[in-house]
């Protein structure tokens, strides 16, 4: 039985290290930026999901509105979503 006790003690010592590794990995996963993408839109609107700076959403809105021969105008934002109107140039 002494071998079993030594094995359990080793696992207990490794637990804080493993917890730190998993906590760091989880924290870094949340920091990785997500590419902005068009959530929904039509000829007159575009809803773009983004993270970080609102400027990250503008190229997606420009591309969407341009496909309807229009230009984007920022109308509103909520955390993580930018709402654009697609206006005639």
Protein backbone atom coordinates (compact mmCIF):
# COMPACT_ATOMS: atom_id res chain seq x y z
CA UNK A 1 0.00 0.00 0.00
CA UNK A 2 2.88 2.51 0.39
CA UNK A 3 3.14 2.75 -3.42
CA UNK A 4 -0.54 3.70 -3.70
CA UNK A 5 -0.09 6.45 -1.14
CA UNK A 6 2.91 7.88 -2.99
CA UNK A 7 0.95 7.86 -6.29
CA UNK A 8 -1.99 9.73 -4.69
CA UNK A 9 0.36 12.33 -3.19
CA UNK A 10 1.98 12.92 -6.59
CA UNK A 11 -1.43 13.47 -8.21
CA UNK A 12 -2.45 15.93 -5.51
CA UNK A 13 0.75 17.91 -6.09
CA UNK A 14 0.08 18.05 -9.84
CA UNK A 15 -3.48 19.33 -9.42
CA UNK A 16 -2.62 23.06 -8.94
CA UNK A 17 -0.37 22.95 -12.00
CA UNK A 18 -3.10 21.40 -14.14
CA UNK A 19 -5.65 23.92 -12.89
CA UNK A 20 -3.33 26.79 -13.82
CA UNK A 21 -2.77 25.35 -17.29
CA UNK A 22 -6.50 24.97 -17.94
CA UNK A 23 -7.29 28.43 -16.54
CA UNK A 24 -4.66 30.01 -18.78
CA UNK A 25 -5.92 28.15 -21.84
CA UNK A 26 -9.51 29.21 -21.13
CA UNK A 27 -8.44 32.84 -20.67
CA UNK A 28 -6.49 32.89 -23.91
CA UNK A 29 -9.38 31.35 -25.82
CA UNK A 30 -11.57 34.27 -24.75
CA UNK A 31 -8.99 36.79 -25.89
CA UNK A 32 -8.65 35.47 -29.40
CA UNK A 33 -10.48 37.79 -31.70
CA UNK A 34 -13.29 36.50 -33.83
CA UNK A 35 -13.47 37.59 -37.43
CA UNK A 36 -16.46 39.86 -38.06
CA UNK A 37 -19.26 38.33 -40.11
CA UNK A 38 -22.62 39.31 -41.57
CA UNK A 39 -25.37 37.99 -39.30
CA UNK A 40 -28.23 39.19 -41.49
CA UNK A 41 -28.91 41.77 -44.12
CA UNK A 42 -30.79 42.78 -47.21
CA UNK A 43 -30.60 45.62 -49.74
CA UNK A 44 -31.17 48.24 -47.03
CA UNK A 45 -29.61 46.82 -43.84
CA UNK A 46 -26.63 44.88 -42.52
CA UNK A 47 -26.09 43.39 -39.06
CA UNK A 48 -22.44 42.57 -38.43
CA UNK A 49 -21.18 40.53 -35.49
CA UNK A 50 -17.75 41.73 -34.39
CA UNK A 51 -15.38 41.74 -31.43
CA UNK A 52 -13.09 44.51 -30.27
CA UNK A 53 -13.13 47.73 -32.26
CA UNK A 54 -16.24 48.71 -34.24
CA UNK A 55 -13.95 49.50 -37.17
CA UNK A 56 -13.55 45.74 -37.63
CA UNK A 57 -17.21 45.55 -38.72
CA UNK A 58 -17.02 48.26 -41.40
CA UNK A 59 -15.34 46.21 -44.18
CA UNK A 60 -17.98 43.49 -43.86
CA UNK A 61 -20.77 46.08 -44.06
CA UNK A 62 -19.07 47.76 -47.04
CA UNK A 63 -18.85 44.48 -48.91
CA UNK A 64 -22.47 43.61 -48.20
CA UNK A 65 -23.87 47.03 -49.11
CA UNK A 66 -21.67 47.21 -52.22
CA UNK A 67 -23.30 44.03 -53.50
CA UNK A 68 -26.53 46.10 -53.65
CA UNK A 69 -24.75 49.17 -55.12
CA UNK A 70 -25.03 50.99 -51.78
CA UNK A 71 -22.76 52.31 -49.04
CA UNK A 72 -22.97 51.51 -45.32
CA UNK A 73 -23.93 53.99 -42.60
CA UNK A 74 -23.59 52.98 -38.96
CA UNK A 75 -26.99 53.27 -37.27
CA UNK A 76 -26.61 51.59 -33.89
CA UNK A 77 -24.49 49.16 -31.88
CA UNK A 78 -25.04 46.69 -29.10
CA UNK A 79 -22.21 44.73 -27.49
CA UNK A 80 -20.83 42.65 -30.33
CA UNK A 81 -23.29 43.67 -33.07
CA UNK A 82 -23.14 46.69 -35.37
CA UNK A 83 -26.26 47.76 -37.26
CA UNK A 84 -25.78 49.48 -40.61
CA UNK A 85 -28.14 51.06 -43.10
CA UNK A 86 -27.25 50.53 -46.74
CA UNK A 87 -27.82 53.92 -48.38
CA UNK A 88 -27.75 54.91 -52.03
CA UNK A 89 -24.44 56.60 -52.89
